[in-house]
Amino acid sequence: MAEIRLQYPIPLICRVFRVSASGYYRWLKRPIPKRAQEEERLEAEIRAAHKRTRETCGPERLQQDMADHGVNLGIYRIRRIRKKLGICCKQKRRFKATTDS
């Protein structure tokens, strides 16, 4: 709705989405939830931990590294944030013998 409101009047948009105009304006003035504010900080922390570990740690080891730096966080939350940011660890390639003696 935030993108469309510049092109169409608010009452029309509210009618299309079947929401009340007062509900829309109440939602617009609502403060950002505490968890969402925390999420932004955690995204920065996870990016820093990812760089700090040379992009080689999965969520479990990343959780341990972050705990060592004073940020306590669950594995599933780390997984969700990493997926959102598109961060994945480098996979070590398996040794393949190319010479047959």
C-alpha atoms as a PDB file:
ATOM      1  CA  MET A   1       0.000   0.000   0.000  1.00  0.00           C
ATOM      2  CA  ALA A   2       2.861   2.366   0.731  1.00  0.00           C
ATOM      3  CA  GLU A   3       4.029   2.232  -2.888  1.00  0.00           C
ATOM      4  CA  ILE A   4       0.555   2.486  -4.428  1.00  0.00           C
ATOM      5  CA  ARG A   5      -0.606   5.395  -2.258  1.00  0.00           C
ATOM      6  CA  LEU A   6       1.372   7.854  -4.371  1.00  0.00           C
ATOM      7  CA  GLN A   7      -0.632   6.883  -7.469  1.00  0.00           C
ATOM      8  CA  TYR A   8      -4.152   6.325  -6.110  1.00  0.00           C
ATOM      9  CA  PRO A   9      -6.259   7.896  -3.351  1.00  0.00           C
ATOM     10  CA  ILE A  10      -6.194   6.177   0.039  1.00  0.00           C
ATOM     11  CA  PRO A  11      -9.977   5.495   0.247  1.00  0.00           C
ATOM     12  CA  LEU A  12      -9.868   3.645  -3.082  1.00  0.00           C
ATOM     13  CA  ILE A  13      -6.874   1.544  -2.008  1.00  0.00           C
ATOM     14  CA  CYS A  14      -8.554   0.722   1.314  1.00  0.00           C
ATOM     15  CA  ARG A  15     -11.689  -0.396  -0.507  1.00  0.00           C
ATOM     16  CA  VAL A  16      -9.686  -2.642  -2.854  1.00  0.00           C
ATOM     17  CA  PHE A  17      -7.737  -4.247   0.019  1.00  0.00           C
ATOM     18  CA  ARG A  18     -10.847  -4.364   2.219  1.00  0.00           C
ATOM     19  CA  VAL A  19      -9.346  -2.476   5.146  1.00  0.00           C
ATOM     20  CA  SER A  20     -10.667   0.582   6.930  1.00  0.00           C
ATOM     21  CA  ALA A  21      -8.971   3.905   6.326  1.00  0.00           C
ATOM     22  CA  SER A  22      -8.670   4.484  10.068  1.00  0.00           C
ATOM     23  CA  GLY A  23      -6.993   1.079  10.455  1.00  0.00           C
ATOM     24  CA  TYR A  24      -4.547   1.960   7.688  1.00  0.00           C
ATOM     25  CA  TYR A  25      -3.621   5.283   9.302  1.00  0.00           C
ATOM     26  CA  ARG A  26      -3.301   3.624  12.723  1.00  0.00           C
ATOM     27  CA  TRP A  27      -0.949   1.038  11.178  1.00  0.00           C
ATOM     28  CA  LEU A  28       1.031   3.829   9.499  1.00  0.00           C
ATOM     29  CA  LYS A  29       1.640   5.621  12.816  1.00  0.00           C
ATOM     30  CA  ARG A  30       2.445   2.456  14.766  1.00  0.00           C
ATOM     31  CA  PRO A  31       6.058   2.395  16.033  1.00  0.00           C
ATOM     32  CA  ILE A  32       8.484  -0.188  14.703  1.00  0.00           C
ATOM     33  CA  PRO A  33       8.243  -3.342  16.856  1.00  0.00           C
ATOM     34  CA  LYS A  34      11.095  -4.078  19.248  1.00  0.00           C
ATOM     35  CA  ARG A  35      11.847  -7.397  17.528  1.00  0.00           C
ATOM     36  CA  ALA A  36      12.155  -5.703  14.123  1.00  0.00           C
ATOM     37  CA  GLN A  37      14.569  -3.131  15.565  1.00  0.00           C
ATOM     38  CA  GLU A  38      16.576  -5.949  17.105  1.00  0.00           C
ATOM     39  CA  GLU A  39      16.525  -7.802  13.769  1.00  0.00           C
ATOM     40  CA  GLU A  40      18.427  -4.970  12.045  1.00  0.00           C
ATOM     41  CA  ARG A  41      21.125  -5.049  14.714  1.00  0.00           C
ATOM     42  CA  LEU A  42      21.377  -8.837  14.485  1.00  0.00           C
ATOM     43  CA  GLU A  43      21.757  -8.690  10.701  1.00  0.00           C
ATOM     44  CA  ALA A  44      24.816  -6.483  11.180  1.00  0.00           C
ATOM     45  CA  GLU A  45      26.156  -8.797  13.909  1.00  0.00           C
ATOM     46  CA  ILE A  46      25.715 -11.882  11.705  1.00  0.00           C
ATOM     47  CA  ARG A  47      27.427 -10.199   8.742  1.00  0.00           C
ATOM     48  CA  ALA A  48      30.355  -9.237  11.006  1.00  0.00           C
ATOM     49  CA  ALA A  49      30.614 -12.753  12.469  1.00  0.00           C
ATOM     50  CA  HIS A  50      30.449 -14.234   8.964  1.00  0.00           C
ATOM     51  CA  LYS A  51      33.389 -12.071   7.836  1.00  0.00           C
ATOM     52  CA  ARG A  52      35.246 -12.689  11.100  1.00  0.00           C
ATOM     53  CA  THR A  53      35.091 -16.467  10.571  1.00  0.00           C
ATOM     54  CA  ARG A  54      36.294 -16.130   6.956  1.00  0.00           C
ATOM     55  CA  GLU A  55      32.834 -17.177   5.707  1.00  0.00           C
ATOM     56  CA  THR A  56      33.466 -20.800   6.685  1.00  0.00           C
ATOM     57  CA  CYS A  57      31.064 -21.345   9.604  1.00  0.00           C
ATOM     58  CA  GLY A  58      27.572 -22.751   9.526  1.00  0.00           C
ATOM     59  CA  PRO A  59      24.860 -21.624  11.934  1.00  0.00           C
ATOM     60  CA  GLU A  60      26.019 -23.790  14.847  1.00  0.00           C
ATOM     61  CA  ARG A  61      29.621 -22.562  14.828  1.00  0.00           C
ATOM     62  CA  LEU A  62      28.442 -19.035  14.053  1.00  0.00           C
ATOM     63  CA  GLN A  63      26.233 -19.182  17.157  1.00  0.00           C
ATOM     64  CA  GLN A  64      29.248 -20.169  19.264  1.00  0.00           C
ATOM     65  CA  ASP A  65      31.367 -17.366  17.796  1.00  0.00           C
ATOM     66  CA  MET A  66      28.648 -14.824  18.447  1.00  0.00           C
ATOM     67  CA  ALA A  67      28.205 -16.086  22.017  1.00  0.00           C
ATOM     68  CA  ASP A  68      31.939 -15.581  22.554  1.00  0.00           C
ATOM     69  CA  HIS A  69      31.441 -11.956  21.475  1.00  0.00           C
ATOM     70  CA  GLY A  70      28.460 -11.426  23.800  1.00  0.00           C
ATOM     71  CA  VAL A  71      25.523 -11.943  21.415  1.00  0.00           C
ATOM     72  CA  ASN A  72      23.257 -14.806  22.496  1.00  0.00           C
ATOM     73  CA  LEU A  73      21.031 -16.007  19.694  1.00  0.00           C
ATOM     74  CA  GLY A  74      19.257 -19.205  18.670  1.00  0.00           C
ATOM     75  CA  ILE A  75      20.348 -21.371  15.743  1.00  0.00           C
ATOM     76  CA  TYR A  76      17.005 -21.157  13.941  1.00  0.00           C
ATOM     77  CA  ARG A  77      17.005 -17.383  14.139  1.00  0.00           C
ATOM     78  CA  ILE A  78      20.538 -17.321  12.737  1.00  0.00           C
ATOM     79  CA  ARG A  79      19.431 -19.633   9.911  1.00  0.00           C
ATOM     80  CA  ARG A  80      16.454 -17.447   9.084  1.00  0.00           C
ATOM     81  CA  ILE A  81      18.495 -14.232   9.036  1.00  0.00           C
ATOM     82  CA  ARG A  82      21.276 -15.822   6.983  1.00  0.00           C
ATOM     83  CA  LYS A  83      18.717 -17.045   4.460  1.00  0.00           C
ATOM     84  CA  LYS A  84      17.194 -13.567   4.291  1.00  0.00           C
ATOM     85  CA  LEU A  85      20.631 -12.000   3.707  1.00  0.00           C
ATOM     86  CA  GLY A  86      21.685 -14.694   1.229  1.00  0.00           C
ATOM     87  CA  ILE A  87      24.699 -15.686   3.314  1.00  0.00           C
ATOM     88  CA  CYS A  88      26.052 -19.213   3.094  1.00  0.00           C
ATOM     89  CA  CYS A  89      29.330 -20.705   4.212  1.00  0.00           C
ATOM     90  CA  LYS A  90      32.052 -21.833   1.845  1.00  0.00           C
ATOM     91  CA  GLN A  91      32.001 -25.573   1.290  1.00  0.00           C
ATOM     92  CA  LYS A  92      35.350 -27.311   1.477  1.00  0.00           C
ATOM     93  CA  ARG A  93      35.986 -29.234  -1.703  1.00  0.00           C
ATOM     94  CA  ARG A  94      36.596 -32.918  -1.402  1.00  0.00           C
ATOM     95  CA  PHE A  95      40.017 -34.200  -2.458  1.00  0.00           C
ATOM     96  CA  LYS A  96      39.900 -36.065  -5.703  1.00  0.00           C
ATOM     97  CA  ALA A  97      42.866 -38.117  -6.828  1.00  0.00           C
ATOM     98  CA  THR A  98      43.457 -37.419 -10.513  1.00  0.00           C
ATOM     99  CA  THR A  99      46.394 -39.747 -10.968  1.00  0.00           C
ATOM    100  CA  ASP A 100      46.076 -43.512 -11.028  1.00  0.00           C
ATOM    101  CA  SER A 101      49.387 -45.216 -10.298  1.00  0.00           C
END
